[in-house]
N, C-alpha and C. Protein backbone atom coordinates (compact mmCIF):
# COMPACT_ATOMS: atom_id res chain seq x y z
N UNK A 1 0.77 -1.27 0.00
CA UNK A 1 0.03 0.17 -0.05
C UNK A 1 0.94 1.01 0.16
N UNK A 2 0.77 2.52 -0.83
CA UNK A 2 1.11 3.63 -0.94
C UNK A 2 0.19 4.90 -0.72
N UNK A 3 0.91 5.76 -0.60
CA UNK A 3 -0.07 7.25 -0.74
C UNK A 3 0.92 8.00 -1.22
N UNK A 4 0.98 9.30 -2.02
CA UNK A 4 1.28 9.87 -2.67
C UNK A 4 1.10 11.38 -2.18
N UNK A 5 1.99 12.25 -2.32
CA UNK A 5 1.93 13.52 -2.08
C UNK A 5 1.44 14.39 -2.85
N UNK A 6 0.39 15.23 -3.07
CA UNK A 6 -0.01 16.25 -3.87
C UNK A 6 0.32 17.31 -3.98
N UNK A 7 0.37 17.80 -4.87
CA UNK A 7 1.56 19.23 -5.42
C UNK A 7 0.77 20.55 -5.74
N UNK A 8 1.04 21.49 -5.52
CA UNK A 8 0.58 22.59 -6.02
C UNK A 8 1.35 23.21 -6.95
N UNK A 9 0.59 24.11 -7.79
CA UNK A 9 1.74 25.41 -8.96
C UNK A 9 1.87 26.34 -8.40
N UNK A 10 3.45 25.83 -8.28
CA UNK A 10 4.26 27.40 -7.81
C UNK A 10 4.44 28.05 -9.38
N UNK A 11 4.85 29.15 -8.46
CA UNK A 11 5.54 30.02 -9.55
C UNK A 11 6.76 30.98 -9.01
N UNK A 12 7.57 30.95 -10.48
CA UNK A 12 9.05 31.71 -10.09
C UNK A 12 8.96 32.83 -11.41
N UNK A 13 9.48 33.91 -11.18
CA UNK A 13 9.80 35.17 -11.66
C UNK A 13 11.28 34.79 -12.36
N UNK A 14 11.58 35.35 -13.72
CA UNK A 14 12.95 36.01 -14.35
C UNK A 14 12.96 37.02 -15.08
N UNK A 15 13.57 36.96 -16.03
CA UNK A 15 13.96 38.25 -16.95
C UNK A 15 14.82 37.48 -18.08
N UNK A 16 14.45 37.82 -19.15
CA UNK A 16 15.50 37.22 -20.62
C UNK A 16 16.72 37.84 -19.94
N UNK A 17 17.70 37.34 -20.30
CA UNK A 17 19.55 37.81 -20.04
C UNK A 17 19.89 37.70 -21.48
N UNK A 18 20.42 39.15 -22.03
CA UNK A 18 20.98 39.28 -22.86
C UNK A 18 22.91 38.76 -22.90
N UNK A 19 23.23 39.04 -21.44
CA UNK A 19 24.73 38.73 -21.18
C UNK A 19 25.05 37.01 -21.32
N UNK A 20 26.26 37.18 -22.02
CA UNK A 20 26.94 36.01 -21.93
C UNK A 20 28.16 35.79 -21.38
N UNK A 21 28.84 34.71 -20.92
CA UNK A 21 30.29 34.49 -21.08
C UNK A 21 30.90 34.77 -19.33
N UNK A 22 32.18 34.40 -19.11
CA UNK A 22 32.48 34.08 -17.15
C UNK A 22 32.47 35.24 -16.54
N UNK A 23 32.58 36.15 -17.54
CA UNK A 23 33.07 37.74 -16.68
C UNK A 23 31.03 38.14 -16.16
N UNK A 24 30.25 38.55 -17.27
CA UNK A 24 29.35 38.83 -16.82
C UNK A 24 28.55 38.00 -16.04
N UNK A 25 28.70 36.60 -16.35
CA UNK A 25 27.94 35.90 -15.07
C UNK A 25 28.51 35.96 -14.07
N UNK A 26 29.48 36.41 -13.47
CA UNK A 26 30.23 36.33 -12.12
C UNK A 26 29.65 37.67 -11.77
N UNK A 27 29.56 38.41 -12.65
CA UNK A 27 28.89 39.86 -12.34
C UNK A 27 27.56 39.78 -11.35
N UNK A 28 26.53 38.70 -12.44
CA UNK A 28 25.10 38.32 -12.18
C UNK A 28 25.04 37.76 -10.79
N UNK A 29 25.78 36.91 -10.56
CA UNK A 29 26.29 36.07 -8.88
C UNK A 29 26.37 37.14 -8.01
N UNK A 30 27.52 38.30 -8.35
CA UNK A 30 27.24 39.08 -7.43
C UNK A 30 26.45 39.91 -6.81
N UNK A 31 25.56 40.17 -7.83
CA UNK A 31 23.77 40.97 -7.65
C UNK A 31 23.27 39.89 -6.99
N UNK A 32 23.31 38.70 -6.65
CA UNK A 32 22.59 37.64 -6.23
C UNK A 32 21.87 37.65 -7.64
N UNK A 33 21.97 37.50 -8.29
CA UNK A 33 21.25 36.57 -9.68
C UNK A 33 21.55 35.66 -10.01
N UNK A 34 21.30 34.66 -10.59
CA UNK A 34 21.47 33.40 -11.12
C UNK A 34 20.81 33.37 -12.44
N UNK A 35 21.92 33.13 -13.26
CA UNK A 35 22.08 32.76 -14.58
C UNK A 35 21.27 31.17 -15.03
N UNK A 36 20.53 31.40 -16.22
CA UNK A 36 19.54 29.81 -16.43
C UNK A 36 18.88 29.99 -17.67
N UNK A 37 18.82 28.66 -18.12
CA UNK A 37 18.18 28.47 -19.73
C UNK A 37 16.83 27.75 -19.58
N UNK A 38 15.72 28.61 -20.50
CA UNK A 38 14.69 27.69 -20.63
C UNK A 38 14.87 26.91 -22.15
N UNK A 39 14.50 25.95 -22.27
CA UNK A 39 14.49 25.49 -22.98
C UNK A 39 13.34 24.32 -23.68
N UNK A 40 12.54 23.91 -24.38
CA UNK A 40 11.68 23.08 -24.57
C UNK A 40 12.02 21.94 -26.15
N UNK A 41 10.74 21.27 -26.16
CA UNK A 41 10.95 20.13 -27.16
C UNK A 41 10.90 20.64 -28.63
N UNK A 42 10.11 21.34 -28.32
CA UNK A 42 10.32 22.08 -29.93
C UNK A 42 11.23 23.17 -30.57
N UNK A 43 12.53 23.54 -29.58
CA UNK A 43 13.25 23.84 -29.86
C UNK A 43 13.83 25.62 -29.24
N UNK A 44 12.60 26.23 -28.34
CA UNK A 44 12.90 26.94 -27.81
C UNK A 44 14.33 26.99 -26.91
N UNK A 45 14.47 28.03 -26.87
CA UNK A 45 15.81 28.24 -26.13
C UNK A 45 16.06 29.57 -25.82
N UNK A 46 15.73 29.93 -24.33
CA UNK A 46 15.88 31.30 -23.91
C UNK A 46 16.83 31.38 -22.58
N UNK A 47 18.12 32.29 -23.09
CA UNK A 47 19.07 32.53 -21.82
C UNK A 47 18.14 33.37 -20.64
N UNK A 48 18.29 33.19 -19.28
CA UNK A 48 17.50 33.90 -18.51
C UNK A 48 18.28 34.32 -17.42
N UNK A 49 17.69 35.24 -16.34
CA UNK A 49 18.26 35.10 -14.76
C UNK A 49 17.04 35.74 -13.74
N UNK A 50 17.22 35.05 -12.66
CA UNK A 50 16.46 35.41 -11.73
C UNK A 50 16.97 35.39 -10.46
N UNK A 51 16.18 35.87 -9.76
CA UNK A 51 16.72 36.39 -8.20
C UNK A 51 17.26 34.81 -7.49
N UNK A 52 18.30 35.04 -6.58
CA UNK A 52 18.70 33.85 -6.11
C UNK A 52 17.79 33.49 -5.02
N UNK A 53 17.32 34.23 -3.95
CA UNK A 53 16.76 33.70 -2.95
C UNK A 53 15.28 33.27 -3.17
N UNK A 54 14.57 33.71 -3.84
CA UNK A 54 13.26 33.01 -4.63
C UNK A 54 13.52 31.94 -5.10
N UNK A 55 14.51 31.55 -6.03
CA UNK A 55 14.79 30.51 -6.76
C UNK A 55 15.38 29.39 -6.01
N UNK A 56 16.05 29.88 -5.03
CA UNK A 56 16.71 28.54 -4.08
C UNK A 56 15.12 28.29 -3.04
N UNK A 57 14.52 28.95 -2.61
CA UNK A 57 13.12 28.36 -1.63
C UNK A 57 12.18 27.43 -2.59
N UNK A 58 11.97 28.29 -3.84
CA UNK A 58 11.04 27.33 -5.02
C UNK A 58 12.17 25.65 -5.10
N UNK A 59 13.37 26.19 -5.26
CA UNK A 59 13.81 24.51 -5.75
C UNK A 59 13.62 23.84 -4.62
N UNK A 60 13.96 24.29 -3.11
CA UNK A 60 13.57 23.36 -1.96
C UNK A 60 12.48 22.83 -1.77
N UNK A 61 11.01 23.22 -2.85
CA UNK A 61 9.99 22.74 -2.78
C UNK A 61 9.75 21.90 -4.00
N UNK A 62 10.51 22.31 -5.10
CA UNK A 62 10.02 21.43 -6.09
C UNK A 62 10.82 20.30 -6.74
N UNK A 63 12.37 20.85 -6.26
CA UNK A 63 13.71 19.41 -6.45
C UNK A 63 13.03 19.48 -8.00
N UNK A 64 13.43 18.17 -8.83
CA UNK A 64 13.54 17.95 -10.29
C UNK A 64 12.04 16.93 -10.66
N UNK A 65 11.21 16.97 -9.28
CA UNK A 65 10.19 16.51 -9.35
C UNK A 65 8.51 16.94 -9.67
N UNK A 66 8.56 18.52 -9.85
CA UNK A 66 7.02 19.31 -9.57
C UNK A 66 7.05 19.96 -10.72
N UNK A 67 6.33 20.21 -11.37
CA UNK A 67 5.87 21.24 -12.55
C UNK A 67 5.55 22.77 -12.04
N UNK A 68 6.18 23.64 -12.31
CA UNK A 68 5.55 25.04 -11.84
C UNK A 68 5.47 25.77 -12.89
N UNK A 69 5.10 27.00 -12.93
CA UNK A 69 5.12 28.19 -14.26
C UNK A 69 6.28 29.00 -13.89
N UNK A 70 6.83 29.18 -14.85
CA UNK A 70 8.40 29.76 -15.05
C UNK A 70 7.75 31.04 -15.64
N UNK A 71 7.83 32.14 -15.25
CA UNK A 71 7.66 33.63 -15.79
C UNK A 71 8.51 34.81 -15.97
N UNK A 72 8.72 34.56 -17.73
CA UNK A 72 9.71 34.78 -18.49
C UNK A 72 9.44 36.21 -18.95
N UNK A 73 10.05 37.55 -18.16
CA UNK A 73 9.99 38.88 -18.52
C UNK A 73 10.72 39.50 -19.24
N UNK A 74 10.41 39.89 -20.89
CA UNK A 74 11.21 40.40 -21.55
C UNK A 74 10.52 42.27 -22.03
N UNK A 75 11.41 43.09 -21.38
CA UNK A 75 11.05 44.38 -21.55
C UNK A 75 9.58 44.73 -21.25
N UNK A 76 8.95 44.02 -20.18
CA UNK A 76 7.81 44.44 -20.14
C UNK A 76 6.56 43.19 -20.37
N UNK A 77 7.00 42.48 -21.20
CA UNK A 77 5.93 41.49 -21.96
C UNK A 77 6.29 40.17 -20.82
N UNK A 78 5.49 39.92 -20.70
CA UNK A 78 5.87 38.07 -19.72
C UNK A 78 5.37 37.09 -20.57
N UNK A 79 5.83 36.45 -20.46
CA UNK A 79 5.32 35.12 -20.95
C UNK A 79 5.34 34.24 -19.95
N UNK A 80 4.35 33.04 -19.38
CA UNK A 80 4.68 31.82 -18.80
C UNK A 80 4.59 30.63 -19.57
N UNK A 81 5.45 30.11 -18.66
CA UNK A 81 5.80 27.97 -19.16
C UNK A 81 5.79 27.53 -18.23
N UNK A 82 4.97 26.82 -18.37
CA UNK A 82 4.81 25.31 -17.18
C UNK A 82 5.97 24.37 -17.29
N UNK A 83 7.24 23.88 -16.46
CA UNK A 83 8.38 23.74 -16.50
C UNK A 83 8.76 22.60 -15.53
N UNK A 84 9.67 21.95 -15.63
CA UNK A 84 10.32 21.15 -14.70
C UNK A 84 11.70 21.41 -14.59
N UNK A 85 12.58 21.56 -13.26
CA UNK A 85 13.98 21.77 -13.65
C UNK A 85 15.08 20.63 -14.10
N UNK A 86 15.63 20.77 -14.90
CA UNK A 86 15.85 20.21 -15.91
C UNK A 86 17.52 19.23 -15.31
N UNK A 87 18.19 20.60 -15.24
CA UNK A 87 19.62 20.57 -14.23
C UNK A 87 19.90 21.63 -13.57
N UNK A 88 20.90 21.53 -12.87
CA UNK A 88 21.10 22.43 -11.84
C UNK A 88 22.55 22.07 -11.14
N UNK A 89 23.34 23.61 -11.35
CA UNK A 89 24.75 23.35 -11.04
C UNK A 89 24.52 24.15 -9.71
N UNK A 90 25.08 23.68 -8.75
CA UNK A 90 25.71 24.34 -7.14
C UNK A 90 27.24 24.90 -7.13
N UNK A 91 27.23 25.14 -6.10
CA UNK A 91 28.99 26.04 -6.00
C UNK A 91 29.25 25.23 -5.02
N UNK A 92 30.65 24.81 -5.28
CA UNK A 92 31.01 23.31 -4.91
C UNK A 92 31.23 23.25 -3.23
N UNK A 93 31.40 24.41 -2.72
CA UNK A 93 31.66 24.63 -0.84
C UNK A 93 30.25 25.22 -0.09
N UNK A 94 29.65 26.26 -0.97
CA UNK A 94 28.48 27.00 -0.46
C UNK A 94 26.94 26.00 -0.80
N UNK A 95 27.24 25.12 -2.00
CA UNK A 95 26.02 24.99 -2.27
C UNK A 95 24.51 25.22 -2.36
N UNK A 96 25.46 26.79 -2.73
CA UNK A 96 23.99 27.39 -3.35
C UNK A 96 23.81 27.32 -4.95
N UNK A 97 23.02 27.62 -5.68
CA UNK A 97 22.54 27.69 -6.93
C UNK A 97 23.35 28.27 -7.92
N UNK A 98 24.34 28.17 -8.66
CA UNK A 98 24.70 29.00 -9.70
C UNK A 98 24.54 29.15 -11.16
N UNK A 99 23.98 27.87 -11.19
CA UNK A 99 23.47 28.30 -12.84
C UNK A 99 22.26 26.57 -13.06
N UNK A 100 20.84 27.14 -13.31
CA UNK A 100 19.80 26.13 -13.43
C UNK A 100 19.28 26.62 -14.67
N UNK A 101 18.62 25.15 -15.50
CA UNK A 101 18.15 24.75 -16.58
C UNK A 101 16.69 24.17 -16.25
N UNK A 102 15.84 24.92 -17.44
CA UNK A 102 14.42 24.43 -17.29
C UNK A 102 13.85 23.93 -18.31
N UNK A 103 13.14 23.11 -18.04
CA UNK A 103 12.60 22.25 -19.55
C UNK A 103 10.89 22.53 -19.53
N UNK A 104 10.77 23.33 -20.97
CA UNK A 104 9.00 23.15 -20.79
C UNK A 104 8.47 21.83 -21.18
N UNK A 105 7.25 21.63 -20.56
CA UNK A 105 6.34 20.71 -20.55
C UNK A 105 4.94 21.00 -21.26
N UNK A 106 4.24 20.04 -22.23
CA UNK A 106 2.96 19.88 -22.32
C UNK A 106 2.28 19.84 -21.31
N UNK A 107 1.26 20.37 -20.64
CA UNK A 107 0.21 19.76 -19.41
C UNK A 107 -0.74 18.69 -19.86
N UNK A 108 -0.89 18.34 -21.32
CA UNK A 108 -1.92 17.83 -21.26
C UNK A 108 -1.18 16.21 -22.29
N UNK A 109 0.49 15.89 -22.03
CA UNK A 109 1.32 14.89 -22.35
C UNK A 109 2.15 14.21 -21.48
N UNK A 110 1.96 13.05 -21.29
CA UNK A 110 2.71 12.30 -20.35
C UNK A 110 4.37 12.57 -20.50
N UNK A 111 4.71 12.79 -19.19
CA UNK A 111 6.35 13.08 -19.25
C UNK A 111 6.36 11.87 -18.42
N UNK A 112 7.72 11.87 -18.26
CA UNK A 112 8.84 10.88 -17.51
C UNK A 112 9.81 11.41 -16.40
N UNK A 113 9.44 11.35 -14.94
CA UNK A 113 10.28 11.73 -14.03
C UNK A 113 10.11 10.87 -12.78
N UNK A 114 11.64 11.16 -12.33
CA UNK A 114 12.24 9.93 -11.03
C UNK A 114 11.83 10.45 -9.78
N UNK A 115 10.91 9.87 -9.03
CA UNK A 115 10.61 10.45 -7.71
C UNK A 115 11.06 9.90 -6.68
N UNK A 116 11.29 10.42 -5.38
CA UNK A 116 11.76 9.22 -4.10
C UNK A 116 10.97 9.00 -3.27
N UNK A 117 11.36 7.23 -3.02
CA UNK A 117 10.23 6.67 -2.38
C UNK A 117 10.76 7.04 -0.90
N UNK A 118 9.34 6.57 0.04
CA UNK A 118 9.11 7.05 1.47
C UNK A 118 8.82 5.77 1.87
N UNK A 119 9.13 4.98 2.93
CA UNK A 119 9.00 4.04 3.95
C UNK A 119 8.46 4.45 4.85
N UNK A 120 7.02 4.01 5.61
CA UNK A 120 6.57 4.44 6.45
C UNK A 120 5.74 3.16 7.61
N UNK A 121 6.29 3.12 8.47
CA UNK A 121 5.61 1.84 9.11
C UNK A 121 6.80 0.89 9.70
N UNK A 122 6.23 -0.04 10.77
CA UNK A 122 7.13 -1.68 10.89
C UNK A 122 6.54 -2.44 10.15
N UNK A 123 7.41 -3.27 9.65
CA UNK A 123 6.77 -4.16 9.14
C UNK A 123 6.76 -5.64 9.67
N UNK A 124 5.49 -6.62 9.63
CA UNK A 124 5.75 -7.50 10.39
C UNK A 124 6.81 -8.55 10.73
N UNK A 125 7.72 -8.22 9.48
CA UNK A 125 9.11 -9.66 9.43
C UNK A 125 10.10 -8.89 10.24
N UNK A 126 10.01 -7.29 10.44
CA UNK A 126 10.87 -6.76 11.14
C UNK A 126 10.83 -6.75 13.07
N UNK A 127 9.25 -7.03 12.96
CA UNK A 127 8.95 -7.07 14.31
C UNK A 127 9.33 -8.82 14.97
N UNK A 128 9.36 -9.77 13.73
CA UNK A 128 9.81 -11.04 13.98
C UNK A 128 11.49 -11.31 14.10
N UNK A 129 11.80 -10.24 13.82
CA UNK A 129 13.25 -10.27 13.82
C UNK A 129 13.80 -10.36 12.41
N UNK A 130 13.07 -9.48 11.35
CA UNK A 130 13.71 -9.74 10.36
C UNK A 130 14.66 -8.82 9.92
N UNK A 131 15.18 -8.67 8.93
CA UNK A 131 16.28 -7.54 8.54
C UNK A 131 15.59 -7.17 6.99
N UNK A 132 15.50 -5.49 7.30
CA UNK A 132 14.84 -4.98 5.97
C UNK A 132 16.39 -4.84 5.08
N UNK A 133 15.98 -4.78 3.84
CA UNK A 133 16.89 -4.84 2.81
C UNK A 133 16.52 -4.06 1.56
N UNK A 134 17.02 -2.77 1.70
CA UNK A 134 16.17 -1.90 0.43
C UNK A 134 17.21 -1.38 -0.62
N UNK A 135 16.43 -1.55 -1.87
CA UNK A 135 17.29 -1.85 -3.25
C UNK A 135 17.08 -0.83 -3.70
N UNK A 136 15.73 -0.11 -3.62
CA UNK A 136 15.38 1.20 -4.44
C UNK A 136 15.20 2.51 -3.22
N UNK A 137 15.43 3.57 -3.93
CA UNK A 137 14.90 4.61 -3.21
C UNK A 137 14.29 5.64 -3.93
N UNK A 138 14.37 5.20 -5.01
CA UNK A 138 13.40 6.57 -5.96
C UNK A 138 12.68 5.19 -7.13
N UNK A 139 11.91 5.90 -7.91
CA UNK A 139 11.32 5.18 -9.12
C UNK A 139 10.60 5.77 -10.20
N UNK A 140 10.86 5.59 -10.92
CA UNK A 140 11.05 6.20 -12.46
C UNK A 140 9.17 6.07 -12.75
N UNK A 141 8.06 7.43 -12.68
CA UNK A 141 6.71 7.50 -13.30
C UNK A 141 6.53 8.26 -14.29
N UNK A 142 5.48 7.80 -14.76
CA UNK A 142 5.02 8.39 -16.31
C UNK A 142 3.52 8.75 -16.19
N UNK A 143 3.12 10.07 -16.51
CA UNK A 143 1.94 10.47 -16.28
C UNK A 143 2.07 11.96 -16.82
N UNK A 144 0.49 12.86 -17.04
CA UNK A 144 0.94 13.72 -16.84
C UNK A 144 1.51 14.98 -15.85
N UNK A 145 2.16 16.12 -16.33
CA UNK A 145 3.29 16.43 -15.28
C UNK A 145 2.60 17.19 -14.13
N UNK A 146 1.25 17.49 -13.83
CA UNK A 146 0.50 17.43 -12.64
C UNK A 146 -0.11 16.83 -11.50
N UNK A 147 0.14 15.54 -12.43
CA UNK A 147 -0.58 14.37 -11.82
C UNK A 147 0.89 13.06 -11.34
N UNK A 148 1.94 13.54 -11.44
CA UNK A 148 2.92 13.02 -10.85
C UNK A 148 3.48 13.61 -9.18
N UNK A 149 3.20 12.38 -8.55
CA UNK A 149 3.34 12.76 -7.08
C UNK A 149 4.84 13.35 -6.85
N UNK A 150 4.80 14.25 -5.92
CA UNK A 150 6.50 14.55 -5.53
C UNK A 150 7.06 13.65 -4.75
N UNK A 151 6.20 12.73 -4.10
CA UNK A 151 6.90 11.03 -3.56
C UNK A 151 5.80 10.52 -3.41
N UNK A 152 6.63 9.33 -3.64
CA UNK A 152 5.30 8.06 -2.68
C UNK A 152 5.94 7.42 -1.67
N UNK A 153 4.96 7.13 -0.69
CA UNK A 153 5.33 6.84 0.38
C UNK A 153 4.50 5.38 0.53
N UNK A 154 5.70 4.37 0.63
CA UNK A 154 4.93 2.74 0.73
C UNK A 154 4.72 2.55 2.23
N UNK A 155 3.55 1.96 2.59
CA UNK A 155 3.32 1.65 3.41
C UNK A 155 4.00 0.00 3.89
N UNK A 156 4.54 -0.05 4.56
CA UNK A 156 5.92 -1.54 4.95
C UNK A 156 4.97 -2.44 6.01
N UNK A 157 4.07 -1.82 6.53
CA UNK A 157 3.55 -2.62 7.71
C UNK A 157 3.18 -4.00 7.75
N UNK A 158 2.65 -4.21 6.41
CA UNK A 158 2.75 -5.92 6.55
C UNK A 158 3.45 -6.72 5.81
N UNK A 159 5.02 -5.77 5.41
CA UNK A 159 5.40 -6.86 4.79
C UNK A 159 6.09 -7.52 5.54
N UNK A 160 6.32 -8.81 5.67
CA UNK A 160 6.21 -10.64 6.65
C UNK A 160 7.53 -11.00 5.96
N UNK A 161 8.18 -11.93 6.91
CA UNK A 161 9.46 -12.41 6.68
C UNK A 161 9.66 -12.71 5.13
N UNK A 162 10.78 -13.43 4.65
CA UNK A 162 11.10 -13.05 3.21
C UNK A 162 9.89 -12.70 2.07
N UNK A 163 9.11 -11.75 2.35
CA UNK A 163 8.76 -11.17 1.29
C UNK A 163 9.08 -10.01 0.70
N UNK A 164 8.55 -9.28 -0.14
CA UNK A 164 9.47 -8.54 -1.07
C UNK A 164 7.90 -7.62 -1.95
N UNK A 165 8.72 -6.35 -1.93
CA UNK A 165 7.84 -5.54 -2.33
C UNK A 165 8.11 -5.25 -3.77
N UNK A 166 7.84 -5.05 -4.74
CA UNK A 166 8.01 -4.83 -6.25
C UNK A 166 7.63 -3.51 -6.77
N UNK A 167 8.16 -3.11 -7.81
CA UNK A 167 7.11 -2.18 -8.54
C UNK A 167 5.94 -1.99 -8.79
N UNK A 168 5.75 -3.39 -9.40
CA UNK A 168 4.43 -3.45 -9.78
C UNK A 168 3.57 -3.53 -8.43
N UNK A 169 3.91 -3.95 -7.61
CA UNK A 169 3.47 -3.89 -6.21
C UNK A 169 2.71 -2.20 -5.36
N UNK A 170 3.49 -1.26 -6.08
CA UNK A 170 3.15 -0.16 -5.58
C UNK A 170 2.10 0.56 -6.06
N UNK A 171 1.20 1.30 -4.96
CA UNK A 171 -0.23 1.68 -5.49
C UNK A 171 0.32 2.89 -5.79
N UNK A 172 -0.43 3.26 -6.99
CA UNK A 172 0.05 4.73 -7.41
C UNK A 172 -1.08 5.68 -7.88
N UNK A 173 -1.43 6.89 -8.27
CA UNK A 173 -2.75 7.40 -7.96
C UNK A 173 -3.09 7.39 -9.82
N UNK A 174 -4.47 7.38 -9.96
CA UNK A 174 -5.15 7.34 -10.95
C UNK A 174 -4.07 7.82 -12.25
N UNK A 175 -4.23 7.01 -13.39
CA UNK A 175 -3.02 7.75 -14.17
C UNK A 175 -1.91 7.71 -14.45
N UNK A 176 -1.33 7.11 -13.11
CA UNK A 176 0.20 7.42 -13.30
C UNK A 176 0.74 5.86 -13.47
N UNK A 177 1.80 5.13 -13.91
CA UNK A 177 2.45 4.46 -13.94
C UNK A 177 3.83 4.53 -13.81
N UNK A 178 4.14 3.22 -13.13
CA UNK A 178 5.86 3.26 -13.07
C UNK A 178 6.41 3.14 -14.35
N UNK A 179 7.62 3.00 -14.50
CA UNK A 179 8.01 2.55 -15.59
C UNK A 179 9.57 1.93 -15.20
N UNK A 180 9.42 0.63 -16.14
CA UNK A 180 10.29 -0.43 -15.74
C UNK A 180 10.26 -1.52 -16.84
N UNK A 181 11.35 -2.24 -17.25
CA UNK A 181 11.73 -3.05 -18.07
C UNK A 181 11.21 -4.26 -17.34
N UNK A 182 11.72 -4.81 -16.07
CA UNK A 182 11.65 -5.54 -15.60
C UNK A 182 11.13 -5.42 -13.82
N UNK A 183 10.58 -5.83 -13.47
CA UNK A 183 9.81 -5.77 -12.26
C UNK A 183 10.93 -5.86 -10.86
N UNK A 184 11.55 -4.72 -10.84
CA UNK A 184 12.41 -4.65 -9.86
C UNK A 184 11.93 -4.57 -8.70
N UNK A 185 12.72 -5.37 -7.66
CA UNK A 185 12.47 -5.37 -6.18
C UNK A 185 12.85 -4.00 -5.32
N UNK A 186 11.74 -3.54 -4.70
CA UNK A 186 12.32 -2.54 -3.90
C UNK A 186 12.76 -2.34 -2.57
N UNK A 187 11.91 -3.17 -1.58
CA UNK A 187 12.36 -3.79 -0.10
C UNK A 187 11.78 -5.09 0.00
N UNK A 188 12.81 -5.68 0.86
CA UNK A 188 12.80 -6.76 1.40
C UNK A 188 12.56 -6.92 2.69
N UNK A 189 11.85 -8.13 3.38
CA UNK A 189 12.42 -8.49 4.80
C UNK A 189 13.05 -9.87 4.67
N UNK A 190 13.95 -9.72 5.11
CA UNK A 190 14.96 -11.26 5.32
C UNK A 190 15.10 -12.13 6.79
N UNK A 191 14.91 -13.53 6.29
CA UNK A 191 15.03 -13.86 7.60
C UNK A 191 16.39 -14.64 8.18
N UNK A 192 16.86 -13.47 9.28
CA UNK A 192 18.30 -13.88 9.62
C UNK A 192 19.03 -15.14 9.77
N UNK A 193 17.82 -16.10 10.48
CA UNK A 193 18.25 -17.44 10.50
C UNK A 193 18.54 -17.86 9.34
N UNK A 194 17.87 -17.85 8.27
CA UNK A 194 17.75 -18.29 6.79
C UNK A 194 19.23 -17.86 6.39
N UNK A 195 19.67 -16.67 6.53
CA UNK A 195 20.55 -16.49 5.92
C UNK A 195 22.14 -16.90 6.42
N UNK A 196 21.49 -16.89 7.78
CA UNK A 196 23.10 -17.37 8.61
C UNK A 196 23.21 -19.24 8.39
N UNK A 197 21.67 -19.79 7.98
CA UNK A 197 21.94 -20.92 7.54
C UNK A 197 22.50 -21.33 6.08
N UNK A 198 22.26 -20.24 5.39
CA UNK A 198 22.90 -20.18 3.92
C UNK A 198 24.42 -20.12 3.82
N UNK A 199 24.76 -18.99 4.55
CA UNK A 199 26.07 -18.44 5.10
C UNK A 199 26.81 -19.66 5.64
N UNK A 200 26.48 -20.49 6.27
CA UNK A 200 27.18 -21.31 6.84
C UNK A 200 27.56 -22.62 6.18
N UNK A 201 26.72 -23.15 4.84
CA UNK A 201 26.84 -23.82 3.91
C UNK A 201 28.16 -23.55 3.08
N UNK A 202 28.27 -22.20 2.85
CA UNK A 202 29.27 -21.76 1.56
C UNK A 202 30.61 -22.34 2.15
């Protein structure tokens, strides 16, 4: 059993950027502005800049799993695009964002995003002395952008000894599906007695 976290549509303001090169980029960052690029699968490519603090606040909420509105101002004319974060570069020591790319999405078309998994509850097997083995901490999902959850919580309360939860067993929202070629294991509860016996035979 699993539950999902629904996301709200947030917005980020930006301005179209004309300057390029290391020197101008450095001056932007000194002014607490972060350079970035917006692009989409139709070939649109717009260099932009945005204020550092609002960007980092928004990124802490959306990461790479949540669609939001990117507002791009070009000399007083604003265009808004639904986007996801495509790539982000951090300062090597301060961990602040120094560059970011956004990818425009069509809200009516399915996309694929990788979202984190969260395990909740205490499994039956663990209560009986079993050992939990986690194989995956995230999973690839496909759905319309606004339908993809920010994370998937998996209730492991009924996970018994020598049982496994696989990708196909994860409950997802309507119209959301897991993407995989083989039905991979996510988490198991192993019997330590069985492991000990197997190891003693080696």
